[in-house]
C-alpha atoms as a PDB file:
ATOM      1  CA  MET A   1      66.529  -0.768  19.788  1.00  0.00           C
ATOM      2  CA  ASP A   2      64.392   2.165  20.828  1.00  0.00           C
ATOM      3  CA  ALA A   3      62.776   2.811  24.221  1.00  0.00           C
ATOM      4  CA  MET A   4      59.363   1.543  23.093  1.00  0.00           C
ATOM      5  CA  SER A   5      60.861  -1.770  21.966  1.00  0.00           C
ATOM      6  CA  LEU A   6      62.764  -2.143  25.236  1.00  0.00           C
ATOM      7  CA  ASN A   7      59.596  -1.423  27.196  1.00  0.00           C
ATOM      8  CA  THR A   8      57.653  -4.017  25.172  1.00  0.00           C
ATOM      9  CA  VAL A   9      60.349  -6.665  25.700  1.00  0.00           C
ATOM     10  CA  ASN A  10      60.542  -5.941  29.428  1.00  0.00           C
ATOM     11  CA  ASN A  11      56.767  -6.145  29.821  1.00  0.00           C
ATOM     12  CA  ALA A  12      56.567  -9.385  27.875  1.00  0.00           C
ATOM     13  CA  SER A  13      59.477 -11.013  29.704  1.00  0.00           C
ATOM     14  CA  ASN A  14      58.034 -10.105  33.113  1.00  0.00           C
ATOM     15  CA  ALA A  15      54.495 -11.156  32.188  1.00  0.00           C
ATOM     16  CA  ASP A  16      52.736 -14.070  33.818  1.00  0.00           C
ATOM     17  CA  LEU A  17      51.682 -16.269  30.908  1.00  0.00           C
ATOM     18  CA  SER A  18      48.767 -17.700  32.855  1.00  0.00           C
ATOM     19  CA  THR A  19      46.959 -14.360  32.718  1.00  0.00           C
ATOM     20  CA  VAL A  20      45.255 -12.738  29.758  1.00  0.00           C
ATOM     21  CA  GLN A  21      47.397  -9.629  30.201  1.00  0.00           C
ATOM     22  CA  GLY A  22      50.587 -11.718  30.129  1.00  0.00           C
ATOM     23  CA  SER A  23      49.533 -13.574  27.019  1.00  0.00           C
ATOM     24  CA  ALA A  24      48.610 -10.288  25.348  1.00  0.00           C
ATOM     25  CA  ALA A  25      52.028  -8.817  26.213  1.00  0.00           C
ATOM     26  CA  VAL A  26      53.813 -11.772  24.624  1.00  0.00           C
ATOM     27  CA  SER A  27      51.543 -11.560  21.583  1.00  0.00           C
ATOM     28  CA  VAL A  28      52.280  -7.843  21.154  1.00  0.00           C
ATOM     29  CA  MET A  29      56.008  -8.515  21.478  1.00  0.00           C
ATOM     30  CA  LYS A  30      55.879 -11.232  18.801  1.00  0.00           C
ATOM     31  CA  LYS A  31      53.930  -8.988  16.440  1.00  0.00           C
ATOM     32  CA  ALA A  32      56.367  -6.114  17.008  1.00  0.00           C
ATOM     33  CA  MET A  33      59.338  -8.390  16.335  1.00  0.00           C
ATOM     34  CA  ASN A  34      57.733  -9.740  13.141  1.00  0.00           C
ATOM     35  CA  LEU A  35      56.997  -6.204  11.945  1.00  0.00           C
ATOM     36  CA  GLN A  36      60.554  -5.130  12.690  1.00  0.00           C
ATOM     37  CA  ALA A  37      61.944  -8.157  10.836  1.00  0.00           C
ATOM     38  CA  ALA A  38      59.747  -7.457   7.822  1.00  0.00           C
ATOM     39  CA  SER A  39      60.747  -3.799   7.654  1.00  0.00           C
ATOM     40  CA  THR A  40      64.423  -4.717   8.044  1.00  0.00           C
ATOM     41  CA  ALA A  41      64.182  -7.241   5.215  1.00  0.00           C
ATOM     42  CA  GLN A  42      62.499  -4.623   3.035  1.00  0.00           C
ATOM     43  CA  LEU A  43      65.285  -2.123   3.762  1.00  0.00           C
ATOM     44  CA  ILE A  44      67.959  -4.689   2.907  1.00  0.00           C
ATOM     45  CA  GLN A  45      66.193  -5.532  -0.366  1.00  0.00           C
ATOM     46  CA  SER A  46      66.080  -1.844  -1.311  1.00  0.00           C
ATOM     47  CA  ILE A  47      69.880  -1.477  -1.200  1.00  0.00           C
ATOM     48  CA  PRO A  48      71.198  -1.459  -4.774  1.00  0.00           C
ATOM     49  CA  GLN A  49      73.788  -4.109  -5.627  1.00  0.00           C
ATOM     50  CA  PRO A  50      77.054  -2.572  -6.821  1.00  0.00           C
ATOM     51  CA  ALA A  51      78.430  -3.703 -10.165  1.00  0.00           C
ATOM     52  CA  LEU A  52      81.572  -5.807  -9.999  1.00  0.00           C
ATOM     53  CA  ALA A  53      84.724  -4.548 -11.653  1.00  0.00           C
ATOM     54  CA  SER A  54      85.250  -6.142 -15.049  1.00  0.00           C
ATOM     55  CA  SER A  55      88.252  -4.251 -16.404  1.00  0.00           C
ATOM     56  CA  GLY A  56      91.412  -2.604 -15.127  1.00  0.00           C
ATOM     57  CA  SER A  57      93.681  -3.684 -12.309  1.00  0.00           C
ATOM     58  CA  LEU A  58      91.523  -2.568  -9.397  1.00  0.00           C
ATOM     59  CA  GLY A  59      89.201  -5.296  -8.179  1.00  0.00           C
ATOM     60  CA  THR A  60      89.869  -7.756 -10.982  1.00  0.00           C
ATOM     61  CA  GLN A  61      93.043  -9.478  -9.780  1.00  0.00           C
ATOM     62  CA  VAL A  62      93.663 -11.504  -6.648  1.00  0.00           C
ATOM     63  CA  ASN A  63      97.122 -11.619  -5.049  1.00  0.00           C
ATOM     64  CA  THR A  64      97.366 -15.190  -3.791  1.00  0.00           C
ATOM     65  CA  PHE A  65     100.755 -14.615  -2.124  1.00  0.00           C
ATOM     66  CA  ALA A  66      99.555 -11.966   0.310  1.00  0.00           C
END
């Protein structure tokens, strides 16, 4: 988590929700968290899936006695 994210979380957690400024701080924090979650999901989806081993002895046999 970078310094800007920490600052946003601290501001939102210390905000008084009965004020407009407090509500805005919580709203900004929620939007930042949603954006971070979306970008993380996109990064995970971009990772190529490795092909499973289909021949040979490496990765194709399971030692059940180990």
